[in-house]
C-alpha cells in the first residue's frame, strides 16, 4: 500500500489525494504540517531532500516527489492518463502551465493569504504581481475552456486535476472568478466527476500518524 505524506490544506497535496480517490486506490496518509517545520526534520529530509509535500512512498524506502510526477505515476494505465501520444503531450503542456503560471501566483497567494497568519502584510509588495500574473493565467484557461469541456477536449484527465487544485481555491485569496464563466463551469464539471472529494476530505480508514 502506498504511503502519502501530505498537508491537508496544500493544493499540491490535494492533487494526489484527489487522483487516488478518483481511482479508488487505498493508501496510508501521514499528515505533515510544513508551517510547523515538520517537512524540515532530518527524518523527512532523508526521504525527500527538498523538504516538500506531497511525497509518495511507492514501496519500502522508495519515494516519489513533485505533485504532477506523482499524478502520472498513480494514474498510469487508467483513463486519467491519455494513451495517445499527442494527448499525453497536451496533458503535460497544461501541467507545465499549471506549475509555471498558476501555482507560483494563485498558489503563492493562497499560501500567504489563507494559510500564514499575517501573510498579507509580509507579502504586501509581492501581492500585486501575483494577482496580475494569476489573472493572466486564468485568462488563458478561460479562452481554452470556452471551447473545451476539459483541459484535453472532452475527457477528464490528470491535467484537470493539476489545474483544479489551485484554481478552485482562487477565491479564497482575493481572485474574482465572476468574469471567468467558462472556468467556473469547468470547476463545476470537475467537482461533479465520480469519486471527487473536497480538499478537506481525508480517507479515515487509512489515516495514520507518522
Protein backbone atom coordinates (compact mmCIF):
# COMPACT_ATOMS: atom_id res chain seq x y z
CA UNK A 1 0.00 0.00 0.00
CA UNK A 2 1.18 3.50 -0.80
CA UNK A 3 2.05 5.93 1.97
CA UNK A 4 1.28 9.56 1.14
CA UNK A 5 2.97 12.35 3.06
CA UNK A 6 0.58 15.24 2.62
CA UNK A 7 -0.58 18.54 4.09
CA UNK A 8 -4.36 18.79 4.10
CA UNK A 9 -4.53 22.48 3.14
CA UNK A 10 -1.91 22.21 0.41
CA UNK A 11 -3.21 22.38 -3.14
CA UNK A 12 -0.30 20.31 -4.42
CA UNK A 13 -1.02 17.59 -1.84
CA UNK A 14 -4.71 17.75 -2.69
CA UNK A 15 -3.96 16.84 -6.31
CA UNK A 16 -2.66 13.45 -5.25
CA UNK A 17 -5.47 12.76 -2.78
CA UNK A 18 -8.00 13.67 -5.46
CA UNK A 19 -6.43 11.31 -8.01
CA UNK A 20 -6.20 8.45 -5.52
CA UNK A 21 -9.84 8.95 -4.52
CA UNK A 22 -10.98 9.02 -8.15
CA UNK A 23 -9.09 5.80 -8.85
CA UNK A 24 -10.20 4.10 -5.63
CA UNK A 25 -6.61 3.38 -4.60
CA UNK A 26 -6.15 2.77 -0.86
CA UNK A 27 -3.24 4.43 0.87
CA UNK A 28 -1.86 5.32 4.27
CA UNK A 29 -1.96 9.04 4.94
CA UNK A 30 0.68 10.86 7.00
CA UNK A 31 -0.15 14.50 7.73
CA UNK A 32 2.88 16.81 7.51
CA UNK A 33 2.41 20.43 8.60
CA UNK A 34 5.03 22.43 6.73
CA UNK A 35 4.04 25.54 8.71
CA UNK A 36 5.35 23.80 11.82
CA UNK A 37 8.57 22.71 10.15
CA UNK A 38 7.55 19.05 10.00
CA UNK A 39 8.97 18.68 6.48
CA UNK A 40 12.37 20.01 7.56
CA UNK A 41 13.24 17.36 10.11
CA UNK A 42 16.23 15.08 9.46
CA UNK A 43 13.85 12.11 9.19
CA UNK A 44 11.72 13.74 6.50
CA UNK A 45 14.68 15.22 4.60
CA UNK A 46 16.14 11.72 4.38
CA UNK A 47 13.01 10.79 2.41
CA UNK A 48 12.82 13.98 0.34
CA UNK A 49 15.81 16.36 0.41
CA UNK A 50 13.67 19.19 -0.98
CA UNK A 51 11.62 19.15 2.22
CA UNK A 52 8.32 19.39 0.35
CA UNK A 53 4.99 17.63 0.26
CA UNK A 54 3.37 15.72 -1.30
CA UNK A 55 5.68 12.76 -1.14
CA UNK A 56 4.59 9.26 -2.11
CA UNK A 57 6.25 6.14 -0.79
CA UNK A 58 5.55 3.68 -3.58
CA UNK A 59 7.47 0.80 -1.98
CA UNK A 60 9.57 0.48 1.18
CA UNK A 61 12.16 3.27 1.11
CA UNK A 62 11.28 4.23 -2.46
CA UNK A 63 9.90 7.77 -2.67
CA UNK A 64 8.48 9.95 -5.42
CA UNK A 65 8.20 13.73 -5.06
CA UNK A 66 6.63 16.53 -7.14
CA UNK A 67 2.84 16.52 -7.31
CA UNK A 68 2.48 16.26 -11.09
CA UNK A 69 5.04 13.44 -11.34
CA UNK A 70 3.08 11.59 -8.65
CA UNK A 71 -0.13 12.16 -10.62
CA UNK A 72 1.35 10.47 -13.68
CA UNK A 73 2.65 7.59 -11.60
CA UNK A 74 -0.62 6.76 -9.82
CA UNK A 75 -2.75 7.37 -12.92
CA UNK A 76 -0.70 5.19 -15.26
CA UNK A 77 -2.88 2.71 -17.11
CA UNK A 78 -6.11 4.48 -16.13
CA UNK A 79 -8.43 6.78 -18.07
CA UNK A 80 -6.84 9.73 -16.27
CA UNK A 81 -3.61 9.23 -18.22
CA UNK A 82 -4.05 9.66 -22.00
CA UNK A 83 -2.58 6.89 -24.14
CA UNK A 84 -2.50 8.85 -27.39
CA UNK A 85 0.91 10.43 -27.93
CA UNK A 86 -0.44 13.90 -28.76
CA UNK A 87 -2.99 13.83 -25.93
CA UNK A 88 -0.21 12.93 -23.48
CA UNK A 89 1.79 15.90 -24.70
CA UNK A 90 -1.29 18.14 -24.34
CA UNK A 91 -1.77 16.95 -20.76
CA UNK A 92 1.87 17.67 -19.99
CA UNK A 93 1.53 21.08 -21.65
CA UNK A 94 -1.23 22.07 -19.24
CA UNK A 95 0.57 20.55 -16.25
CA UNK A 96 3.69 22.56 -17.09
CA UNK A 97 1.46 25.63 -17.44
CA UNK A 98 -0.01 24.91 -14.01
CA UNK A 99 3.41 24.77 -12.37
CA UNK A 100 4.76 27.78 -14.28
CA UNK A 101 1.77 30.15 -14.28
CA UNK A 102 -0.88 29.03 -11.78
CA UNK A 103 0.93 27.58 -8.79
CA UNK A 104 3.59 30.31 -8.44
CA UNK A 105 0.89 33.01 -8.42
CA UNK A 106 -2.51 31.73 -7.27
CA UNK A 107 -0.81 29.04 -5.17
CA UNK A 108 1.55 31.54 -3.58
CA UNK A 109 -1.28 33.99 -2.88
CA UNK A 110 -3.34 31.20 -1.30
CA UNK A 111 -0.43 30.12 0.89
CA UNK A 112 0.34 33.57 2.22
CA UNK A 113 -3.19 35.00 2.43
CA UNK A 114 -5.13 31.93 3.53
CA UNK A 115 -2.65 29.84 5.49
CA UNK A 116 0.02 32.10 7.02
CA UNK A 117 -1.04 34.39 9.87
CA UNK A 118 -0.03 37.93 8.94
CA UNK A 119 0.94 36.77 5.46
CA UNK A 120 -0.81 39.66 3.69
CA UNK A 121 1.35 42.20 5.48
CA UNK A 122 4.51 40.15 4.98
CA UNK A 123 3.92 39.88 1.22
CA UNK A 124 2.25 43.23 0.51
CA UNK A 125 4.94 44.17 -2.05
CA UNK A 126 4.55 40.88 -3.93
CA UNK A 127 0.77 40.52 -3.92
CA UNK A 128 0.10 42.84 -6.88
CA UNK A 129 2.48 40.83 -9.05
CA UNK A 130 0.80 37.55 -8.02
CA UNK A 131 -2.61 38.99 -8.80
CA UNK A 132 -1.58 40.31 -12.23
CA UNK A 133 0.08 37.07 -13.29
CA UNK A 134 -2.62 34.92 -11.69
CA UNK A 135 -5.34 36.73 -13.62
CA UNK A 136 -3.26 36.30 -16.75
CA UNK A 137 -3.19 32.54 -16.20
CA UNK A 138 -6.93 32.47 -15.57
CA UNK A 139 -7.44 34.34 -18.83
CA UNK A 140 -5.54 31.66 -20.73
CA UNK A 141 -7.65 28.95 -19.13
CA UNK A 142 -10.86 30.87 -19.86
CA UNK A 143 -10.09 31.10 -23.57
CA UNK A 144 -9.34 27.39 -23.74
CA UNK A 145 -12.27 26.21 -21.63
CA UNK A 146 -14.73 28.32 -23.60
CA UNK A 147 -14.29 25.71 -26.36
CA UNK A 148 -13.38 22.56 -24.40
CA UNK A 149 -15.19 20.69 -21.62
CA UNK A 150 -11.90 19.71 -20.03
CA UNK A 151 -8.21 20.53 -20.45
CA UNK A 152 -7.92 17.76 -23.07
CA UNK A 153 -11.11 18.19 -25.05
CA UNK A 154 -13.97 16.04 -23.76
CA UNK A 155 -12.13 13.84 -21.27
CA UNK A 156 -11.22 14.41 -17.62
CA UNK A 157 -7.52 13.70 -17.07
CA UNK A 158 -4.61 14.32 -14.73
CA UNK A 159 -4.28 17.74 -16.39
CA UNK A 160 -7.67 18.76 -14.98
CA UNK A 161 -6.69 17.55 -11.52
CA UNK A 162 -3.47 19.58 -11.68
CA UNK A 163 -5.28 22.73 -12.82
CA UNK A 164 -8.23 22.32 -10.46
CA UNK A 165 -6.21 22.16 -7.24
CA UNK A 166 -5.34 25.84 -7.01
CA UNK A 167 -7.94 27.29 -9.40
CA UNK A 168 -10.77 26.16 -7.11
CA UNK A 169 -9.01 27.94 -4.21
CA UNK A 170 -8.54 31.23 -6.08
CA UNK A 171 -11.49 33.00 -4.47
CA UNK A 172 -10.03 32.27 -1.02
CA UNK A 173 -7.10 34.56 -1.84
CA UNK A 174 -8.75 37.63 -3.42
CA UNK A 175 -9.19 36.42 -7.02
CA UNK A 176 -12.59 37.24 -8.54
CA UNK A 177 -13.82 34.42 -10.80
CA UNK A 178 -17.11 36.08 -11.80
CA UNK A 179 -15.57 37.26 -15.08
CA UNK A 180 -14.48 33.72 -15.99
CA UNK A 181 -17.75 31.87 -16.70
CA UNK A 182 -16.15 29.04 -18.71
CA UNK A 183 -13.66 28.40 -15.93
CA UNK A 184 -16.40 28.41 -13.29
CA UNK A 185 -18.44 25.95 -15.38
CA UNK A 186 -15.35 23.73 -15.69
CA UNK A 187 -14.85 23.84 -11.92
CA UNK A 188 -18.40 22.58 -11.53
CA UNK A 189 -17.82 19.79 -14.06
CA UNK A 190 -14.69 18.65 -12.26
CA UNK A 191 -16.48 18.67 -8.90
CA UNK A 192 -19.24 16.53 -10.41
CA UNK A 193 -16.83 13.82 -11.59
CA UNK A 194 -17.24 10.37 -9.98
CA UNK A 195 -15.02 9.90 -6.95
CA UNK A 196 -14.47 13.62 -6.45
CA UNK A 197 -13.55 14.67 -2.91
CA UNK A 198 -13.09 18.18 -1.47
CA UNK A 199 -9.78 19.42 -0.17
CA UNK A 200 -10.70 18.86 3.48
CA UNK A 201 -11.60 15.17 2.92
CA UNK A 202 -9.30 12.51 4.31
CA UNK A 203 -9.52 8.70 3.99
CA UNK A 204 -10.27 7.91 7.63
CA UNK A 205 -9.72 4.11 7.49
CA UNK A 206 -6.15 4.55 6.20
CA UNK A 207 -5.26 7.65 8.22
CA UNK A 208 -2.26 7.27 10.47
CA UNK A 209 0.31 9.37 12.26
CA UNK A 210 3.94 9.26 11.27
